[in-house]
Amino acid sequence: MIDLKYSLLIDATDDPDFFGFYSPDLEGFTGVGHSVEDCLYQAKWAMEDHIAVLRQEGLPIPKPNPNPTVIIQNDPKLVRSAASS
């Protein structure tokens, strides 16, 4: 089971050893990983750190998503670029 409190989007890039990720539920939350599994691992701990910083700065903390999803997709910028070629 993937234990995330917020949804996660993982973008594959043209480099097979590099993935970007972000959460549409957490404004400003992004990261990178070397595999899908690495992104999931990094995101779990980085989300906790992100929430801690929001709390420390007195900023609003989004409620956890009751049904978080993980989506793995091609980087939308690469898809647009390939379509226009």
C-alpha atoms as a PDB file:
ATOM      1  CA  MET A   1       0.000   0.000   0.000  1.00  0.00           C
ATOM      2  CA  ILE A   2       1.197   3.501  -0.843  1.00  0.00           C
ATOM      3  CA  ASP A   3       0.790   5.669   2.236  1.00  0.00           C
ATOM      4  CA  LEU A   4       0.380   9.227   0.922  1.00  0.00           C
ATOM      5  CA  LYS A   5      -1.965  11.838   2.368  1.00  0.00           C
ATOM      6  CA  TYR A   6      -2.088  13.870  -0.849  1.00  0.00           C
ATOM      7  CA  SER A   7      -2.294  13.038  -4.556  1.00  0.00           C
ATOM      8  CA  LEU A   8       0.943  12.787  -6.519  1.00  0.00           C
ATOM      9  CA  LEU A   9       1.755  13.254 -10.201  1.00  0.00           C
ATOM     10  CA  ILE A  10       4.990  11.774 -11.491  1.00  0.00           C
ATOM     11  CA  ASP A  11       6.267  13.037 -14.829  1.00  0.00           C
ATOM     12  CA  ALA A  12       8.569  10.843 -16.919  1.00  0.00           C
ATOM     13  CA  THR A  13      11.173  12.858 -18.813  1.00  0.00           C
ATOM     14  CA  ASP A  14      13.258  12.163 -21.894  1.00  0.00           C
ATOM     15  CA  ASP A  15      16.009  10.994 -19.510  1.00  0.00           C
ATOM     16  CA  PRO A  16      15.068   7.465 -18.324  1.00  0.00           C
ATOM     17  CA  ASP A  17      16.887   8.056 -15.002  1.00  0.00           C
ATOM     18  CA  PHE A  18      15.052  11.258 -14.085  1.00  0.00           C
ATOM     19  CA  PHE A  19      11.451  11.828 -12.994  1.00  0.00           C
ATOM     20  CA  GLY A  20       9.799  14.948 -11.642  1.00  0.00           C
ATOM     21  CA  PHE A  21       6.889  14.911  -9.210  1.00  0.00           C
ATOM     22  CA  TYR A  22       4.447  17.305  -7.623  1.00  0.00           C
ATOM     23  CA  SER A  23       1.174  17.283  -5.736  1.00  0.00           C
ATOM     24  CA  PRO A  24      -1.861  19.178  -7.027  1.00  0.00           C
ATOM     25  CA  ASP A  25      -3.078  19.162  -3.410  1.00  0.00           C
ATOM     26  CA  LEU A  26      -0.004  20.930  -1.966  1.00  0.00           C
ATOM     27  CA  GLU A  27       0.866  24.244  -3.573  1.00  0.00           C
ATOM     28  CA  GLY A  28       4.621  24.615  -4.064  1.00  0.00           C
ATOM     29  CA  PHE A  29       5.411  20.945  -3.467  1.00  0.00           C
ATOM     30  CA  THR A  30       7.757  19.443  -6.067  1.00  0.00           C
ATOM     31  CA  GLY A  31      10.643  17.028  -6.212  1.00  0.00           C
ATOM     32  CA  VAL A  32      12.740  14.724  -8.360  1.00  0.00           C
ATOM     33  CA  GLY A  33      13.615  11.049  -8.297  1.00  0.00           C
ATOM     34  CA  HIS A  34      15.591   8.494 -10.263  1.00  0.00           C
ATOM     35  CA  SER A  35      12.701   6.039 -10.624  1.00  0.00           C
ATOM     36  CA  VAL A  36       8.981   5.852  -9.950  1.00  0.00           C
ATOM     37  CA  GLU A  37       9.723   3.997  -6.707  1.00  0.00           C
ATOM     38  CA  ASP A  38      12.236   6.660  -5.687  1.00  0.00           C
ATOM     39  CA  CYS A  39       9.651   9.388  -6.355  1.00  0.00           C
ATOM     40  CA  LEU A  40       7.101   7.614  -4.162  1.00  0.00           C
ATOM     41  CA  TYR A  41       9.630   7.216  -1.346  1.00  0.00           C
ATOM     42  CA  GLN A  42      10.911  10.793  -1.615  1.00  0.00           C
ATOM     43  CA  ALA A  43       7.386  12.241  -1.876  1.00  0.00           C
ATOM     44  CA  LYS A  44       6.170  10.502   1.273  1.00  0.00           C
ATOM     45  CA  TRP A  45       8.860  12.089   3.434  1.00  0.00           C
ATOM     46  CA  ALA A  46       8.980  15.390   1.554  1.00  0.00           C
ATOM     47  CA  MET A  47       5.222  15.873   2.001  1.00  0.00           C
ATOM     48  CA  GLU A  48       5.679  15.546   5.760  1.00  0.00           C
ATOM     49  CA  ASP A  49       8.535  18.084   5.666  1.00  0.00           C
ATOM     50  CA  HIS A  50       6.461  20.443   3.492  1.00  0.00           C
ATOM     51  CA  ILE A  51       3.569  20.322   5.976  1.00  0.00           C
ATOM     52  CA  ALA A  52       5.996  20.978   8.849  1.00  0.00           C
ATOM     53  CA  VAL A  53       7.308  24.092   7.090  1.00  0.00           C
ATOM     54  CA  LEU A  54       3.778  25.336   6.387  1.00  0.00           C
ATOM     55  CA  ARG A  55       2.918  24.816  10.062  1.00  0.00           C
ATOM     56  CA  GLN A  56       6.124  26.556  11.203  1.00  0.00           C
ATOM     57  CA  GLU A  57       5.427  29.547   8.941  1.00  0.00           C
ATOM     58  CA  GLY A  58       1.813  29.767  10.097  1.00  0.00           C
ATOM     59  CA  LEU A  59       0.505  29.070   6.594  1.00  0.00           C
ATOM     60  CA  PRO A  60      -2.689  27.151   5.863  1.00  0.00           C
ATOM     61  CA  ILE A  61      -2.327  23.386   5.683  1.00  0.00           C
ATOM     62  CA  PRO A  62      -4.544  21.621   3.137  1.00  0.00           C
ATOM     63  CA  LYS A  63      -6.708  18.834   4.497  1.00  0.00           C
ATOM     64  CA  PRO A  64      -5.465  15.383   3.503  1.00  0.00           C
ATOM     65  CA  ASN A  65      -7.072  14.015   0.374  1.00  0.00           C
ATOM     66  CA  PRO A  66      -9.541  11.273   1.408  1.00  0.00           C
ATOM     67  CA  ASN A  67      -8.768   9.389  -1.814  1.00  0.00           C
ATOM     68  CA  PRO A  68      -5.267  10.366  -2.961  1.00  0.00           C
ATOM     69  CA  THR A  69      -4.189   9.159  -6.372  1.00  0.00           C
ATOM     70  CA  VAL A  70      -0.804   8.575  -7.960  1.00  0.00           C
ATOM     71  CA  ILE A  71      -0.591   9.341 -11.661  1.00  0.00           C
ATOM     72  CA  ILE A  72       2.456   8.544 -13.775  1.00  0.00           C
ATOM     73  CA  GLN A  73       2.547  10.405 -17.054  1.00  0.00           C
ATOM     74  CA  ASN A  74       4.892  11.732 -19.701  1.00  0.00           C
ATOM     75  CA  ASP A  75       6.016  15.281 -19.005  1.00  0.00           C
ATOM     76  CA  PRO A  76       3.285  17.410 -20.657  1.00  0.00           C
ATOM     77  CA  LYS A  77       5.922  19.808 -22.087  1.00  0.00           C
ATOM     78  CA  LEU A  78       7.580  16.910 -23.916  1.00  0.00           C
ATOM     79  CA  VAL A  79       4.258  15.669 -25.297  1.00  0.00           C
ATOM     80  CA  ARG A  80       3.400  19.143 -26.676  1.00  0.00           C
ATOM     81  CA  SER A  81       6.886  19.484 -28.167  1.00  0.00           C
ATOM     82  CA  ALA A  82       6.679  16.071 -29.891  1.00  0.00           C
ATOM     83  CA  ALA A  83       3.209  16.850 -31.268  1.00  0.00           C
ATOM     84  CA  SER A  84       4.373  20.083 -32.877  1.00  0.00           C
ATOM     85  CA  SER A  85       7.358  18.425 -34.585  1.00  0.00           C
END
